[in-house]
C-alpha atoms as a PDB file:
ATOM      1  CA  MET A   1     -17.718   7.483 -38.919  1.00  0.00           C
ATOM      2  CA  ASN A   2     -16.984   4.484 -41.117  1.00  0.00           C
ATOM      3  CA  THR A   3     -18.887   1.221 -40.900  1.00  0.00           C
ATOM      4  CA  VAL A   4     -16.106  -0.740 -39.166  1.00  0.00           C
ATOM      5  CA  ASN A   5     -15.790   1.812 -36.372  1.00  0.00           C
ATOM      6  CA  GLN A   6     -19.548   1.948 -35.850  1.00  0.00           C
ATOM      7  CA  ARG A   7     -19.702  -1.851 -35.716  1.00  0.00           C
ATOM      8  CA  ILE A   8     -17.005  -1.893 -33.046  1.00  0.00           C
ATOM      9  CA  ILE A   9     -18.980   0.598 -30.937  1.00  0.00           C
ATOM     10  CA  ASP A  10     -22.160  -1.426 -31.435  1.00  0.00           C
ATOM     11  CA  ALA A  11     -20.271  -4.560 -30.370  1.00  0.00           C
ATOM     12  CA  VAL A  12     -19.129  -2.912 -27.119  1.00  0.00           C
ATOM     13  CA  ILE A  13     -22.708  -1.890 -26.317  1.00  0.00           C
ATOM     14  CA  ALA A  14     -24.063  -5.358 -27.155  1.00  0.00           C
ATOM     15  CA  ARG A  15     -21.404  -7.121 -25.091  1.00  0.00           C
ATOM     16  CA  ALA A  16     -22.051  -4.814 -22.144  1.00  0.00           C
ATOM     17  CA  GLU A  17     -25.739  -5.731 -22.194  1.00  0.00           C
ATOM     18  CA  LYS A  18     -24.802  -9.408 -22.042  1.00  0.00           C
ATOM     19  CA  VAL A  19     -21.898  -9.605 -19.576  1.00  0.00           C
ATOM     20  CA  CYS A  20     -22.034  -6.433 -17.423  1.00  0.00           C
ATOM     21  CA  PRO A  21     -25.294  -4.542 -17.996  1.00  0.00           C
ATOM     22  CA  ASP A  22     -24.796  -2.253 -14.979  1.00  0.00           C
ATOM     23  CA  SER A  23     -21.160  -1.390 -15.679  1.00  0.00           C
ATOM     24  CA  LEU A  24     -21.086   0.653 -18.880  1.00  0.00           C
ATOM     25  CA  GLU A  25     -21.599   4.390 -18.307  1.00  0.00           C
ATOM     26  CA  LEU A  26     -20.944   5.958 -21.709  1.00  0.00           C
ATOM     27  CA  ILE A  27     -18.828   5.731 -24.847  1.00  0.00           C
ATOM     28  CA  GLY A  28     -16.911   8.533 -26.531  1.00  0.00           C
ATOM     29  CA  VAL A  29     -14.658   8.782 -29.567  1.00  0.00           C
ATOM     30  CA  TYR A  30     -11.408  10.733 -29.505  1.00  0.00           C
ATOM     31  CA  GLY A  31      -8.104  10.770 -31.393  1.00  0.00           C
ATOM     32  CA  SER A  32      -7.683  10.989 -35.147  1.00  0.00           C
ATOM     33  CA  VAL A  33     -11.182   9.693 -35.934  1.00  0.00           C
ATOM     34  CA  ALA A  34     -12.705  12.501 -33.867  1.00  0.00           C
ATOM     35  CA  THR A  35     -10.378  15.219 -35.184  1.00  0.00           C
ATOM     36  CA  GLY A  36     -10.676  14.181 -38.826  1.00  0.00           C
ATOM     37  CA  ASP A  37      -6.960  13.423 -38.957  1.00  0.00           C
ATOM     38  CA  GLU A  38      -7.314   9.715 -39.644  1.00  0.00           C
ATOM     39  CA  TYR A  39      -5.592   7.872 -42.455  1.00  0.00           C
ATOM     40  CA  ALA A  40      -6.239   4.497 -44.074  1.00  0.00           C
ATOM     41  CA  LYS A  41      -4.739   2.508 -41.187  1.00  0.00           C
ATOM     42  CA  SER A  42      -5.998   4.600 -38.264  1.00  0.00           C
ATOM     43  CA  ASP A  43      -7.431   2.653 -35.351  1.00  0.00           C
ATOM     44  CA  LEU A  44     -10.346   3.780 -33.205  1.00  0.00           C
ATOM     45  CA  ASP A  45      -9.708   5.530 -29.874  1.00  0.00           C
ATOM     46  CA  LEU A  46     -12.637   4.976 -27.552  1.00  0.00           C
ATOM     47  CA  LEU A  47     -13.488   6.394 -24.164  1.00  0.00           C
ATOM     48  CA  ILE A  48     -15.360   3.463 -22.645  1.00  0.00           C
ATOM     49  CA  LEU A  49     -16.348   4.694 -19.211  1.00  0.00           C
ATOM     50  CA  ILE A  50     -17.220   1.953 -16.747  1.00  0.00           C
ATOM     51  CA  ARG A  51     -18.735   2.027 -13.272  1.00  0.00           C
ATOM     52  CA  ASP A  52     -16.974  -0.961 -11.688  1.00  0.00           C
ATOM     53  CA  ASP A  53     -14.389  -3.684 -12.260  1.00  0.00           C
ATOM     54  CA  GLU A  54     -16.952  -5.880 -13.993  1.00  0.00           C
ATOM     55  CA  GLY A  55     -16.751  -3.388 -16.816  1.00  0.00           C
ATOM     56  CA  PHE A  56     -13.199  -4.446 -17.582  1.00  0.00           C
ATOM     57  CA  ARG A  57     -14.744  -7.514 -19.208  1.00  0.00           C
ATOM     58  CA  LEU A  58     -15.406  -5.205 -22.153  1.00  0.00           C
ATOM     59  CA  GLY A  59     -11.706  -4.726 -22.737  1.00  0.00           C
ATOM     60  CA  MET A  60     -10.003  -6.526 -25.602  1.00  0.00           C
ATOM     61  CA  GLY A  61      -7.088  -6.130 -27.969  1.00  0.00           C
ATOM     62  CA  MET A  62      -7.695  -7.476 -31.460  1.00  0.00           C
ATOM     63  CA  ILE A  63      -6.627  -7.294 -35.106  1.00  0.00           C
ATOM     64  CA  LEU A  64      -8.942  -7.186 -38.102  1.00  0.00           C
ATOM     65  CA  GLU A  65      -6.930  -9.067 -40.691  1.00  0.00           C
ATOM     66  CA  ASP A  66      -9.027  -8.043 -43.691  1.00  0.00           C
ATOM     67  CA  ILE A  67      -8.097  -4.393 -43.244  1.00  0.00           C
ATOM     68  CA  GLY A  68      -4.836  -4.915 -41.347  1.00  0.00           C
ATOM     69  CA  ILE A  69      -5.663  -2.698 -38.359  1.00  0.00           C
ATOM     70  CA  GLY A  70      -5.132  -3.480 -34.684  1.00  0.00           C
ATOM     71  CA  TYR A  71      -7.553  -2.181 -32.063  1.00  0.00           C
ATOM     72  CA  ASP A  72      -7.334  -1.774 -28.313  1.00  0.00           C
ATOM     73  CA  ILE A  73     -10.747  -1.710 -26.682  1.00  0.00           C
ATOM     74  CA  TYR A  74      -9.690  -0.049 -23.457  1.00  0.00           C
ATOM     75  CA  CYS A  75     -11.869   0.770 -20.464  1.00  0.00           C
ATOM     76  CA  THR A  76     -11.638   3.833 -18.218  1.00  0.00           C
ATOM     77  CA  ARG A  77     -12.819   4.429 -14.647  1.00  0.00           C
ATOM     78  CA  MET A  78     -14.264   7.785 -13.585  1.00  0.00           C
ATOM     79  CA  GLU A  79     -11.545   8.233 -10.968  1.00  0.00           C
ATOM     80  CA  TRP A  80      -8.970   8.146 -13.756  1.00  0.00           C
ATOM     81  CA  LEU A  81     -10.741  11.004 -15.491  1.00  0.00           C
ATOM     82  CA  ARG A  82     -10.838  12.868 -12.195  1.00  0.00           C
ATOM     83  CA  GLY A  83      -7.068  12.468 -12.073  1.00  0.00           C
ATOM     84  CA  ASP A  84      -6.760  13.803 -15.621  1.00  0.00           C
ATOM     85  CA  ALA A  85      -8.823  16.827 -14.628  1.00  0.00           C
ATOM     86  CA  GLU A  86      -6.091  17.724 -12.131  1.00  0.00           C
ATOM     87  CA  CYS A  87      -3.827  18.332 -15.143  1.00  0.00           C
ATOM     88  CA  HIS A  88      -0.685  16.511 -14.044  1.00  0.00           C
ATOM     89  CA  HIS A  89       0.100  16.228 -17.767  1.00  0.00           C
ATOM     90  CA  ALA A  90      -1.059  17.823 -21.001  1.00  0.00           C
ATOM     91  CA  GLN A  91      -2.463  14.715 -22.720  1.00  0.00           C
ATOM     92  CA  LEU A  92      -6.040  15.645 -21.932  1.00  0.00           C
ATOM     93  CA  SER A  93      -7.800  15.025 -25.222  1.00  0.00           C
ATOM     94  CA  LYS A  94      -9.640  11.912 -24.018  1.00  0.00           C
ATOM     95  CA  LEU A  95     -11.157  13.889 -21.155  1.00  0.00           C
ATOM     96  CA  MET A  96     -11.707  17.163 -22.959  1.00  0.00           C
ATOM     97  CA  ASP A  97     -12.527  16.308 -26.560  1.00  0.00           C
ATOM     98  CA  SER A  98     -14.186  12.895 -26.682  1.00  0.00           C
ATOM     99  CA  GLN A  99     -17.294  13.007 -28.839  1.00  0.00           C
ATOM    100  CA  ILE A 100     -19.903  11.172 -26.811  1.00  0.00           C
ATOM    101  CA  VAL A 101     -21.752   8.670 -29.005  1.00  0.00           C
ATOM    102  CA  TYR A 102     -23.580   6.603 -26.366  1.00  0.00           C
ATOM    103  CA  ILE A 103     -24.870   7.446 -22.897  1.00  0.00           C
ATOM    104  CA  LYS A 104     -26.141   4.767 -20.525  1.00  0.00           C
ATOM    105  CA  ASN A 105     -25.810   6.800 -17.318  1.00  0.00           C
ATOM    106  CA  GLN A 106     -26.780  10.473 -17.539  1.00  0.00           C
ATOM    107  CA  GLU A 107     -25.175  11.238 -14.166  1.00  0.00           C
ATOM    108  CA  ALA A 108     -21.831   9.967 -15.431  1.00  0.00           C
ATOM    109  CA  TYR A 109     -22.151  12.188 -18.499  1.00  0.00           C
ATOM    110  CA  GLU A 110     -22.914  15.206 -16.328  1.00  0.00           C
ATOM    111  CA  GLU A 111     -19.883  14.481 -14.146  1.00  0.00           C
ATOM    112  CA  LEU A 112     -17.725  14.252 -17.277  1.00  0.00           C
ATOM    113  CA  LEU A 113     -18.918  17.707 -18.302  1.00  0.00           C
ATOM    114  CA  LYS A 114     -18.102  19.039 -14.834  1.00  0.00           C
ATOM    115  CA  LEU A 115     -14.609  17.531 -15.006  1.00  0.00           C
ATOM    116  CA  ARG A 116     -14.060  19.269 -18.319  1.00  0.00           C
ATOM    117  CA  GLU A 117     -14.995  22.597 -16.771  1.00  0.00           C
ATOM    118  CA  GLN A 118     -12.750  21.824 -13.795  1.00  0.00           C
ATOM    119  CA  ALA A 119      -9.804  21.166 -16.095  1.00  0.00           C
ATOM    120  CA  LYS A 120     -10.490  24.345 -18.087  1.00  0.00           C
ATOM    121  CA  ALA A 121     -10.553  26.362 -14.877  1.00  0.00           C
ATOM    122  CA  PHE A 122      -7.332  24.761 -13.685  1.00  0.00           C
ATOM    123  CA  LEU A 123      -5.571  25.586 -16.953  1.00  0.00           C
ATOM    124  CA  ARG A 124      -6.561  29.226 -16.459  1.00  0.00           C
ATOM    125  CA  SER A 125      -5.351  29.323 -12.847  1.00  0.00           C
ATOM    126  CA  ASP A 126      -1.917  29.916 -11.374  1.00  0.00           C
ATOM    127  CA  ASP A 127      -2.100  26.425  -9.860  1.00  0.00           C
ATOM    128  CA  ARG A 128      -1.034  25.047 -13.233  1.00  0.00           C
ATOM    129  CA  PHE A 129       2.468  26.415 -12.660  1.00  0.00           C
ATOM    130  CA  GLU A 130       2.985  23.798  -9.936  1.00  0.00           C
ATOM    131  CA  ARG A 131       2.328  21.155 -12.575  1.00  0.00           C
ATOM    132  CA  VAL A 132       4.880  22.838 -14.851  1.00  0.00           C
ATOM    133  CA  GLU A 133       7.488  22.540 -12.114  1.00  0.00           C
ATOM    134  CA  GLU A 134       6.544  18.880 -11.604  1.00  0.00           C
ATOM    135  CA  GLN A 135       7.082  18.133 -15.290  1.00  0.00           C
ATOM    136  CA  ILE A 136      10.445  19.922 -15.436  1.00  0.00           C
ATOM    137  CA  LYS A 137      11.566  18.039 -12.353  1.00  0.00           C
ATOM    138  CA  GLN A 138      10.519  14.781 -14.045  1.00  0.00           C
ATOM    139  CA  ALA A 139      12.508  15.744 -17.153  1.00  0.00           C
ATOM    140  CA  LYS A 140      15.574  16.344 -14.994  1.00  0.00           C
ATOM    141  CA  GLN A 141      15.166  12.889 -13.468  1.00  0.00           C
ATOM    142  CA  TYR A 142      15.147  11.333 -16.935  1.00  0.00           C
ATOM    143  CA  PHE A 143      18.227  13.379 -17.805  1.00  0.00           C
ATOM    144  CA  ALA A 144      19.977  12.150 -14.657  1.00  0.00           C
ATOM    145  CA  GLU A 145      19.201   8.569 -15.647  1.00  0.00           C
ATOM    146  CA  ALA A 146      20.640   9.269 -19.109  1.00  0.00           C
ATOM    147  CA  CYS A 147      23.856  10.500 -17.478  1.00  0.00           C
ATOM    148  CA  LEU A 148      24.135   7.341 -15.380  1.00  0.00           C
ATOM    149  CA  THR A 149      24.160   4.861 -18.254  1.00  0.00           C
ATOM    150  CA  ASP A 150      26.464   4.266 -21.197  1.00  0.00           C
ATOM    151  CA  LYS A 151      23.898   2.132 -23.006  1.00  0.00           C
ATOM    152  CA  LEU A 152      22.690   4.085 -26.036  1.00  0.00           C
ATOM    153  CA  SER A 153      19.269   2.444 -26.026  1.00  0.00           C
ATOM    154  CA  ARG A 154      18.604   3.594 -22.461  1.00  0.00           C
ATOM    155  CA  VAL A 155      19.828   7.102 -23.209  1.00  0.00           C
ATOM    156  CA  ARG A 156      17.381   7.197 -26.108  1.00  0.00           C
ATOM    157  CA  MET A 157      14.530   6.042 -23.890  1.00  0.00           C
ATOM    158  CA  ASN A 158      15.387   8.678 -21.305  1.00  0.00           C
ATOM    159  CA  ALA A 159      15.477  11.277 -24.080  1.00  0.00           C
ATOM    160  CA  CYS A 160      11.909  10.256 -24.892  1.00  0.00           C
ATOM    161  CA  GLY A 161      10.977  10.777 -21.242  1.00  0.00           C
ATOM    162  CA  VAL A 162      12.559  14.233 -21.289  1.00  0.00           C
ATOM    163  CA  ILE A 163      10.593  15.153 -24.411  1.00  0.00           C
ATOM    164  CA  VAL A 164       7.245  13.966 -23.045  1.00  0.00           C
ATOM    165  CA  SER A 165       7.744  15.798 -19.751  1.00  0.00           C
ATOM    166  CA  LEU A 166       8.884  19.051 -21.332  1.00  0.00           C
ATOM    167  CA  LEU A 167       6.068  19.035 -23.884  1.00  0.00           C
ATOM    168  CA  SER A 168       3.586  18.820 -21.013  1.00  0.00           C
ATOM    169  CA  ALA A 169       5.465  21.589 -19.205  1.00  0.00           C
ATOM    170  CA  VAL A 170       5.252  24.084 -22.070  1.00  0.00           C
ATOM    171  CA  MET A 171       1.640  23.250 -22.863  1.00  0.00           C
ATOM    172  CA  LEU A 172       0.493  23.582 -19.254  1.00  0.00           C
ATOM    173  CA  TYR A 173       2.498  26.773 -18.810  1.00  0.00           C
ATOM    174  CA  HIS A 174       0.458  28.320 -21.613  1.00  0.00           C
ATOM    175  CA  GLY A 175      -2.791  26.894 -20.231  1.00  0.00           C
ATOM    176  CA  ASP A 176      -3.219  24.445 -23.079  1.00  0.00           C
ATOM    177  CA  TYR A 177      -3.180  20.717 -23.810  1.00  0.00           C
ATOM    178  CA  PHE A 178      -2.494  18.377 -26.735  1.00  0.00           C
ATOM    179  CA  ARG A 179      -5.529  17.728 -28.884  1.00  0.00           C
ATOM    180  CA  ARG A 180      -3.979  15.614 -31.634  1.00  0.00           C
ATOM    181  CA  GLY A 181      -1.557  12.716 -32.018  1.00  0.00           C
ATOM    182  CA  THR A 182       2.218  12.528 -31.976  1.00  0.00           C
ATOM    183  CA  LYS A 183       2.527  13.166 -35.711  1.00  0.00           C
ATOM    184  CA  ARG A 184       0.957  16.606 -35.167  1.00  0.00           C
ATOM    185  CA  THR A 185       3.212  17.610 -32.274  1.00  0.00           C
ATOM    186  CA  PHE A 186       4.983  20.383 -34.152  1.00  0.00           C
ATOM    187  CA  ASP A 187       1.714  21.716 -35.536  1.00  0.00           C
ATOM    188  CA  GLU A 188       0.422  22.053 -31.994  1.00  0.00           C
ATOM    189  CA  LEU A 189       3.634  23.619 -30.729  1.00  0.00           C
ATOM    190  CA  ALA A 190       3.355  26.187 -33.511  1.00  0.00           C
ATOM    191  CA  ARG A 191       0.483  27.897 -31.707  1.00  0.00           C
ATOM    192  CA  LEU A 192       2.730  28.588 -28.703  1.00  0.00           C
ATOM    193  CA  PRO A 193       5.273  31.438 -28.483  1.00  0.00           C
ATOM    194  CA  LEU A 194       8.316  29.142 -28.491  1.00  0.00           C
ATOM    195  CA  ASP A 195      11.722  29.838 -30.007  1.00  0.00           C
ATOM    196  CA  LYS A 196      12.664  27.849 -33.074  1.00  0.00           C
ATOM    197  CA  CYS A 197      15.615  26.348 -31.185  1.00  0.00           C
ATOM    198  CA  PHE A 198      13.179  24.305 -29.092  1.00  0.00           C
ATOM    199  CA  SER A 199      11.612  22.592 -32.101  1.00  0.00           C
ATOM    200  CA  ASP A 200      15.037  22.210 -33.711  1.00  0.00           C
ATOM    201  CA  ASP A 201      16.366  20.336 -30.688  1.00  0.00           C
ATOM    202  CA  LEU A 202      13.258  18.138 -30.574  1.00  0.00           C
ATOM    203  CA  ARG A 203      13.712  17.213 -34.229  1.00  0.00           C
ATOM    204  CA  ALA A 204      17.433  16.556 -33.707  1.00  0.00           C
ATOM    205  CA  ILE A 205      16.987  13.916 -31.014  1.00  0.00           C
ATOM    206  CA  PRO A 206      15.576  11.136 -33.278  1.00  0.00           C
ATOM    207  CA  LEU A 207      18.445  11.745 -35.703  1.00  0.00           C
ATOM    208  CA  CYS A 208      21.205  11.693 -33.080  1.00  0.00           C
ATOM    209  CA  GLU A 209      23.398   8.597 -33.149  1.00  0.00           C
ATOM    210  CA  ASP A 210      25.507   8.938 -29.989  1.00  0.00           C
ATOM    211  CA  ALA A 211      24.786   9.182 -26.265  1.00  0.00           C
ATOM    212  CA  ASP A 212      26.791  12.349 -25.635  1.00  0.00           C
ATOM    213  CA  GLY A 213      24.955  14.164 -28.402  1.00  0.00           C
ATOM    214  CA  LEU A 214      21.618  13.093 -26.936  1.00  0.00           C
ATOM    215  CA  ARG A 215      22.643  14.333 -23.506  1.00  0.00           C
ATOM    216  CA  ARG A 216      23.641  17.713 -24.947  1.00  0.00           C
ATOM    217  CA  LEU A 217      20.273  18.015 -26.659  1.00  0.00           C
ATOM    218  CA  MET A 218      18.394  17.004 -23.497  1.00  0.00           C
ATOM    219  CA  ARG A 219      20.338  19.567 -21.480  1.00  0.00           C
ATOM    220  CA  SER A 220      19.547  22.253 -24.045  1.00  0.00           C
ATOM    221  CA  LEU A 221      15.834  21.407 -24.008  1.00  0.00           C
ATOM    222  CA  ILE A 222      15.627  21.405 -20.215  1.00  0.00           C
ATOM    223  CA  ASN A 223      17.485  24.695 -19.904  1.00  0.00           C
ATOM    224  CA  TYR A 224      15.267  26.299 -22.542  1.00  0.00           C
ATOM    225  CA  VAL A 225      11.993  25.175 -20.947  1.00  0.00           C
ATOM    226  CA  THR A 226      13.221  26.147 -17.482  1.00  0.00           C
ATOM    227  CA  ALA A 227      13.999  29.654 -18.716  1.00  0.00           C
ATOM    228  CA  HIS A 228      10.841  29.873 -20.835  1.00  0.00           C
ATOM    229  CA  THR A 229       8.561  28.984 -17.932  1.00  0.00           C
ATOM    230  CA  ALA A 230      10.382  31.007 -15.270  1.00  0.00           C
ATOM    231  CA  ARG A 231       8.091  33.443 -13.475  1.00  0.00           C
ATOM    232  CA  GLU A 232       9.088  36.573 -11.670  1.00  0.00           C
ATOM    233  CA  LYS A 233       8.464  36.221  -7.964  1.00  0.00           C
ATOM    234  CA  THR A 234       7.988  39.113  -5.577  1.00  0.00           C
ATOM    235  CA  LEU A 235      10.212  38.455  -2.589  1.00  0.00           C
ATOM    236  CA  ALA A 236       9.256  39.529   0.891  1.00  0.00           C
ATOM    237  CA  GLN A 237      11.408  42.068   2.671  1.00  0.00           C
ATOM    238  CA  PRO A 238      13.360  40.657   5.630  1.00  0.00           C
ATOM    239  CA  CYS A 239      11.510  41.006   8.924  1.00  0.00           C
ATOM    240  CA  ALA A 240      11.216  39.270  12.279  1.00  0.00           C
ATOM    241  CA  ASP A 241       8.473  36.988  10.966  1.00  0.00           C
ATOM    242  CA  ASN A 242      10.519  35.519   8.106  1.00  0.00           C
ATOM    243  CA  ILE A 243      14.193  35.468   9.158  1.00  0.00           C
ATOM    244  CA  SER A 244      14.299  35.753  12.960  1.00  0.00           C
ATOM    245  CA  GLY A 245      16.475  32.954  14.363  1.00  0.00           C
ATOM    246  CA  THR A 246      18.115  32.100  11.057  1.00  0.00           C
ATOM    247  CA  TYR A 247      21.394  33.895  11.846  1.00  0.00           C
ATOM    248  CA  GLU A 248      21.759  31.994  15.102  1.00  0.00           C
ATOM    249  CA  GLU A 249      20.854  28.718  13.390  1.00  0.00           C
ATOM    250  CA  ILE A 250      23.413  29.300  10.638  1.00  0.00           C
ATOM    251  CA  CYS A 251      26.086  30.070  13.216  1.00  0.00           C
ATOM    252  CA  SER A 252      25.151  27.077  15.364  1.00  0.00           C
ATOM    253  CA  ASN A 253      24.799  24.426  12.707  1.00  0.00           C
ATOM    254  CA  TRP A 254      27.997  24.645  10.680  1.00  0.00           C
ATOM    255  CA  ARG A 255      30.342  27.526  11.518  1.00  0.00           C
ATOM    256  CA  ASN A 256      32.512  25.703  14.069  1.00  0.00           C
ATOM    257  CA  LYS A 257      32.409  22.539  11.979  1.00  0.00           C
ATOM    258  CA  VAL A 258      33.969  24.429   9.099  1.00  0.00           C
ATOM    259  CA  GLU A 259      36.674  25.706  11.414  1.00  0.00           C
ATOM    260  CA  GLU A 260      37.256  22.210  12.811  1.00  0.00           C
ATOM    261  CA  ALA A 261      37.570  20.899   9.263  1.00  0.00           C
ATOM    262  CA  ALA A 262      40.245  23.514   8.546  1.00  0.00           C
ATOM    263  CA  ASP A 263      42.137  22.528  11.703  1.00  0.00           C
ATOM    264  CA  ASN A 264      42.044  18.860  10.686  1.00  0.00           C
ATOM    265  CA  ALA A 265      42.679  19.389   6.950  1.00  0.00           C
ATOM    266  CA  ASP A 266      39.339  17.636   6.379  1.00  0.00           C
ATOM    267  CA  ALA A 267      38.271  18.815   2.920  1.00  0.00           C
ATOM    268  CA  TYR A 268      35.222  16.537   2.836  1.00  0.00           C
ATOM    269  CA  SER A 269      33.771  17.997   6.032  1.00  0.00           C
ATOM    270  CA  SER A 270      34.549  21.540   4.938  1.00  0.00           C
ATOM    271  CA  PHE A 271      32.885  20.996   1.577  1.00  0.00           C
ATOM    272  CA  MET A 272      29.768  19.340   2.953  1.00  0.00           C
ATOM    273  CA  ASN A 273      29.156  21.874   5.705  1.00  0.00           C
ATOM    274  CA  MET A 274      29.637  24.790   3.334  1.00  0.00           C
ATOM    275  CA  CYS A 275      27.109  23.139   1.012  1.00  0.00           C
ATOM    276  CA  PHE A 276      24.670  22.741   3.907  1.00  0.00           C
ATOM    277  CA  LEU A 277      25.022  26.455   4.594  1.00  0.00           C
ATOM    278  CA  GLN A 278      24.446  27.292   0.929  1.00  0.00           C
ATOM    279  CA  ASN A 279      21.321  25.116   0.906  1.00  0.00           C
ATOM    280  CA  MET A 280      19.859  27.021   3.831  1.00  0.00           C
ATOM    281  CA  ILE A 281      20.687  30.377   2.250  1.00  0.00           C
ATOM    282  CA  ASP A 282      19.072  29.275  -1.011  1.00  0.00           C
ATOM    283  CA  ASP A 283      15.990  28.110   0.863  1.00  0.00           C
ATOM    284  CA  ILE A 284      15.576  31.477   2.600  1.00  0.00           C
ATOM    285  CA  ALA A 285      16.258  33.396  -0.620  1.00  0.00           C
ATOM    286  CA  GLN A 286      13.384  31.643  -2.409  1.00  0.00           C
ATOM    287  CA  ASP A 287      10.943  33.778  -0.407  1.00  0.00           C
ATOM    288  CA  VAL A 288      12.905  36.602   1.245  1.00  0.00           C
ATOM    289  CA  ASP A 289      15.046  39.288  -0.372  1.00  0.00           C
ATOM    290  CA  ILE A 290      18.347  38.683   1.412  1.00  0.00           C
ATOM    291  CA  GLY A 291      20.460  39.436  -1.641  1.00  0.00           C
ATOM    292  CA  SER A 292      22.418  37.127  -3.927  1.00  0.00           C
ATOM    293  CA  VAL A 293      24.802  34.793  -2.105  1.00  0.00           C
ATOM    294  CA  ASP A 294      26.936  32.167  -3.857  1.00  0.00           C
ATOM    295  CA  LEU A 295      29.401  30.834  -1.322  1.00  0.00           C
ATOM    296  CA  MET A 296      30.304  27.718  -3.261  1.00  0.00           C
ATOM    297  CA  GLU A 297      31.638  29.775  -6.156  1.00  0.00           C
ATOM    298  CA  ASN A 298      34.441  30.850  -3.801  1.00  0.00           C
ATOM    299  CA  TYR A 299      34.838  27.597  -1.877  1.00  0.00           C
ATOM    300  CA  ASP A 300      38.563  26.876  -1.599  1.00  0.00           C
ATOM    301  CA  PRO A 301      39.599  23.197  -1.610  1.00  0.00           C
ATOM    302  CA  ASP A 302      43.304  24.080  -1.317  1.00  0.00           C
ATOM    303  CA  CYS A 303      43.164  26.344   1.728  1.00  0.00           C
ATOM    304  CA  LEU A 304      40.345  25.286   4.045  1.00  0.00           C
ATOM    305  CA  ARG A 305      41.041  28.221   6.345  1.00  0.00           C
ATOM    306  CA  ASN A 306      39.741  30.479   3.561  1.00  0.00           C
ATOM    307  CA  ASN A 307      36.385  28.764   3.876  1.00  0.00           C
ATOM    308  CA  VAL A 308      36.212  29.821   7.523  1.00  0.00           C
ATOM    309  CA  LEU A 309      36.895  33.399   6.456  1.00  0.00           C
ATOM    310  CA  LEU A 310      34.258  33.060   3.754  1.00  0.00           C
ATOM    311  CA  TYR A 311      31.753  31.823   6.333  1.00  0.00           C
ATOM    312  CA  ASP A 312      32.523  34.712   8.690  1.00  0.00           C
ATOM    313  CA  ARG A 313      32.205  37.290   5.901  1.00  0.00           C
ATOM    314  CA  PHE A 314      28.780  35.903   5.126  1.00  0.00           C
ATOM    315  CA  LEU A 315      27.752  36.072   8.789  1.00  0.00           C
ATOM    316  CA  ALA A 316      28.875  39.691   8.993  1.00  0.00           C
ATOM    317  CA  GLY A 317      26.843  40.562   5.918  1.00  0.00           C
ATOM    318  CA  TYR A 318      23.845  38.622   7.159  1.00  0.00           C
ATOM    319  CA  GLU A 319      23.924  40.469  10.457  1.00  0.00           C
ATOM    320  CA  THR A 320      23.400  43.715   8.533  1.00  0.00           C
ATOM    321  CA  VAL A 321      20.287  42.114   7.008  1.00  0.00           C
ATOM    322  CA  TYR A 322      19.153  41.399  10.574  1.00  0.00           C
ATOM    323  CA  GLU A 323      19.792  44.996  11.609  1.00  0.00           C
ATOM    324  CA  LYS A 324      17.856  46.422   8.658  1.00  0.00           C
ATOM    325  CA  ALA A 325      14.975  44.140   9.618  1.00  0.00           C
ATOM    326  CA  GLY A 326      15.073  45.477  13.186  1.00  0.00           C
ATOM    327  CA  ILE A 327      16.321  42.183  14.645  1.00  0.00           C
ATOM    328  CA  ARG A 328      19.110  41.773  17.180  1.00  0.00           C
ATOM    329  CA  VAL A 329      21.277  38.661  17.248  1.00  0.00           C
ATOM    330  CA  ASN A 330      20.761  36.741  20.483  1.00  0.00           C
ATOM    331  CA  ARG A 331      24.206  37.016  22.089  1.00  0.00           C
ATOM    332  CA  PHE A 332      24.987  36.369  25.764  1.00  0.00           C
ATOM    333  CA  ALA A 333      28.231  36.785  27.653  1.00  0.00           C
ATOM    334  CA  ASP A 334      27.855  33.383  29.284  1.00  0.00           C
ATOM    335  CA  VAL A 335      25.289  30.713  30.139  1.00  0.00           C
ATOM    336  CA  ASP A 336      24.288  32.498  33.340  1.00  0.00           C
ATOM    337  CA  GLN A 337      23.319  35.578  31.387  1.00  0.00           C
ATOM    338  CA  PHE A 338      21.382  33.368  28.952  1.00  0.00           C
ATOM    339  CA  PHE A 339      19.647  31.586  31.824  1.00  0.00           C
ATOM    340  CA  LYS A 340      18.550  34.837  33.407  1.00  0.00           C
ATOM    341  CA  SER A 341      17.285  36.278  30.128  1.00  0.00           C
ATOM    342  CA  TYR A 342      15.634  33.076  28.977  1.00  0.00           C
ATOM    343  CA  THR A 343      13.757  32.428  32.213  1.00  0.00           C
ATOM    344  CA  GLU A 344      12.572  35.964  32.907  1.00  0.00           C
END
């Protein structure tokens, strides 16, 4: 470590002794200085772990004019590291790789080591795939924002959000995290089994000069990562425990509304209620093998009566799923028959 960096660390320790002697827990070094990837103008990334809010008095941004380098002396609370250990993103180098150069509180150091082991275990577990889904969902939100603005600067910023989210998604999917800075992104991606098209699209975004082109690239990146991280899921077979009552609910909720919409030439109502049906089918199909059903592919805006027929064809097919599962549809001739059966 060079003299300037060591002097900065010594200054933090000396200031802590003066203004908040019970607040400083430990100091670590991460980033380019720790990885040996520094260049002449590299700053110093410090993990300054503090016990309480008094410790924030150690924070300071400053510029050393003689060497032309700006520094951000930034403080971190233990609860923030606990959040990092839950791996909601893949920028975990501060937690995982900081080289500890000063320890004031041994218990804090031991907790840091435990958090590192916790994060390692999480990255090996299937729980990480939930984080992957979170990051892809975040990327889609950025993409939606990019589609809602015509301002090129905002589209570019949303493209950045898409990139950050998707990079975390692919890293977490492979149980890994970023250890080095932005300039080494493609070096780090190289250790993952990713198609060249992914890196090509990433490199194309900074060079793109129009909003539509950026949106196309974002869409391509999202679709690639979604497919790359898709996991085969074993669906349950239909049985009374997982689909009983769904036929009746589907019939009750929207069937007659679709017919009413056809009678009234109400395309909006027909469309919305068919979509509600499709949503419920999709929800069931996430966990139960009821077959592939895509009603909205055949939705007919010109002849709403066809949508009623489409609905009834689905119900007929779904009743066969019921039968194979050993379930009978609850049908009664009239309310008296229902009352007798229901109250017995």
